[in-house]
Amino acid sequence: MITVARYLGQHLQGHEMELTEDIKTNAAIICEKANQLIAAFGEDRELRSGWRPSSVNHRVGGAPHSKHMTGHAVDIEDNDGELDKFCRNNVQILEGIGLWLEDDVATPTWCHIQCVPPRSGHRFFIP
């Protein structure tokens, strides 16, 4: 299970002033949706990356407008690629939960999901 405390806490130390009420609200939403996806998948997966303050996002090479910075995205461990495969084969589950998935070509060992559509609007996208 992906908890809000862990999602927000990964990079919180030293960045407390950047954590807004909006980000906290978004974090609760993305964690709930991620847990719904994991439950549908039927196998527990670990959080790889949650909320990132802008300086952390820049340091790790995140996209300049990454949804991680607003609490709208989460990366879930997927070393075997099975979660990505499940998502591709079960688009209706993503649609029902309200999730969009970054193409696994860009994320080979994790599954990046977000609860807001990308600019393209496509359910599966390349950043």
Protein backbone atom coordinates (compact mmCIF):
# COMPACT_ATOMS: atom_id res chain seq x y z
CA MET A 1 0.00 0.00 0.00
CA ILE A 2 1.21 3.46 -0.87
CA THR A 3 0.60 5.81 2.03
CA VAL A 4 0.30 9.58 1.81
CA ALA A 5 2.89 9.91 4.59
CA ARG A 6 5.46 7.94 2.63
CA TYR A 7 4.50 9.60 -0.68
CA LEU A 8 5.09 13.06 0.81
CA GLY A 9 7.86 12.11 3.22
CA GLN A 10 10.48 10.86 0.76
CA HIS A 11 11.77 14.36 0.05
CA LEU A 12 10.09 16.44 2.74
CA GLN A 13 13.09 17.16 4.96
CA GLY A 14 14.39 20.60 4.11
CA HIS A 15 11.45 21.32 1.79
CA GLU A 16 8.62 21.70 4.29
CA MET A 17 7.80 25.23 3.07
CA GLU A 18 7.12 23.92 -0.46
CA LEU A 19 4.47 21.45 0.69
CA THR A 20 1.13 23.22 0.15
CA GLU A 21 -2.39 22.19 1.05
CA ASP A 22 -3.09 21.64 -2.65
CA ILE A 23 -0.18 19.21 -2.90
CA LYS A 24 -1.41 17.35 0.19
CA THR A 25 -4.89 17.05 -1.33
CA ASN A 26 -3.46 15.87 -4.66
CA ALA A 27 -1.23 13.37 -2.86
CA ALA A 28 -4.22 11.79 -1.13
CA ILE A 29 -5.97 11.44 -4.49
CA ILE A 30 -3.02 9.91 -6.38
CA CYS A 31 -2.26 7.51 -3.52
CA GLU A 32 -5.88 6.31 -3.44
CA LYS A 33 -5.90 5.82 -7.22
CA ALA A 34 -2.52 4.06 -7.18
CA ASN A 35 -3.76 1.70 -4.48
CA GLN A 36 -6.89 0.97 -6.54
CA LEU A 37 -4.66 0.06 -9.49
CA ILE A 38 -2.42 -2.13 -7.35
CA ALA A 39 -5.49 -3.90 -5.91
CA ALA A 40 -6.83 -4.55 -9.42
CA PHE A 41 -3.39 -5.85 -10.43
CA GLY A 42 -3.48 -8.22 -7.48
CA GLU A 43 0.15 -8.00 -6.43
CA ASP A 44 1.60 -5.45 -4.01
CA ARG A 45 4.16 -3.05 -5.42
CA GLU A 46 6.38 -0.50 -3.70
CA LEU A 47 6.54 3.24 -4.06
CA ARG A 48 9.54 4.33 -6.08
CA SER A 49 8.95 8.08 -6.20
CA GLY A 50 6.22 10.32 -4.88
CA TRP A 51 6.11 14.06 -4.36
CA ARG A 52 9.21 15.92 -5.45
CA PRO A 53 10.00 19.53 -4.63
CA SER A 54 11.24 21.36 -7.73
CA SER A 55 14.90 21.29 -6.69
CA VAL A 56 14.76 17.52 -6.12
CA ASN A 57 12.93 17.01 -9.40
CA HIS A 58 15.65 18.95 -11.22
CA ARG A 59 18.43 17.03 -9.44
CA VAL A 60 16.98 13.62 -10.41
CA GLY A 61 16.43 14.66 -14.02
CA GLY A 62 12.64 14.87 -13.84
CA ALA A 63 10.63 16.58 -16.55
CA PRO A 64 10.51 20.37 -16.12
CA HIS A 65 6.73 20.29 -15.60
CA SER A 66 6.63 16.94 -13.82
CA LYS A 67 3.33 16.07 -12.17
CA HIS A 68 5.39 14.77 -9.23
CA MET A 69 5.93 18.40 -8.18
CA THR A 70 2.18 19.01 -7.83
CA GLY A 71 1.35 15.68 -6.20
CA HIS A 72 -0.46 14.36 -9.28
CA ALA A 73 1.97 11.52 -10.16
CA VAL A 74 3.56 8.48 -8.60
CA ASP A 75 6.18 5.99 -9.73
CA ILE A 76 5.59 2.40 -8.68
CA GLU A 77 8.31 -0.28 -8.74
CA ASP A 78 7.89 -2.55 -11.78
CA ASN A 79 11.20 -4.31 -12.31
CA ASP A 80 9.53 -7.20 -14.15
CA GLY A 81 7.34 -4.97 -16.34
CA GLU A 82 4.21 -6.84 -15.32
CA LEU A 83 2.34 -3.82 -13.95
CA ASP A 84 2.92 -1.88 -17.18
CA LYS A 85 1.76 -4.93 -19.14
CA PHE A 86 -1.35 -5.21 -16.96
CA CYS A 87 -2.16 -1.54 -17.57
CA ARG A 88 -1.77 -1.91 -21.34
CA ASN A 89 -4.04 -4.97 -21.34
CA ASN A 90 -6.65 -3.36 -19.06
CA VAL A 91 -7.17 0.16 -20.37
CA GLN A 92 -10.71 0.17 -19.00
CA ILE A 93 -9.31 -0.13 -15.46
CA LEU A 94 -7.08 2.92 -15.99
CA GLU A 95 -10.04 4.82 -17.43
CA GLY A 96 -12.31 3.77 -14.58
CA ILE A 97 -9.82 4.85 -11.93
CA GLY A 98 -8.86 8.01 -13.81
CA LEU A 99 -5.19 7.34 -14.49
CA TRP A 100 -2.76 7.98 -17.34
CA LEU A 101 0.41 5.94 -17.90
CA GLU A 102 3.80 7.03 -19.18
CA ASP A 103 5.04 4.66 -21.89
CA ASP A 104 7.25 1.92 -20.46
CA VAL A 105 9.93 2.69 -23.06
CA ALA A 106 10.72 5.76 -20.92
CA THR A 107 10.20 3.94 -17.60
CA PRO A 108 11.60 0.40 -17.95
CA THR A 109 11.79 -0.51 -14.24
CA TRP A 110 8.92 1.52 -12.86
CA CYS A 111 5.36 2.42 -13.72
CA HIS A 112 4.67 6.17 -13.86
CA ILE A 113 0.99 6.97 -13.39
CA GLN A 114 -0.71 10.31 -13.00
CA CYS A 115 -4.24 11.42 -12.19
CA VAL A 116 -4.32 14.31 -14.66
CA PRO A 117 -4.09 13.87 -18.42
CA PRO A 118 -0.88 14.75 -20.23
CA ARG A 119 -0.92 17.52 -22.82
CA SER A 120 -1.59 14.96 -25.56
CA GLY A 121 -4.64 13.66 -23.71
CA HIS A 122 -3.60 10.09 -24.58
CA ARG A 123 -4.08 7.41 -21.92
CA PHE A 124 -0.54 6.17 -22.69
CA PHE A 125 1.99 8.88 -23.36
CA ILE A 126 5.64 9.64 -23.96
CA PRO A 127 6.88 12.76 -22.16
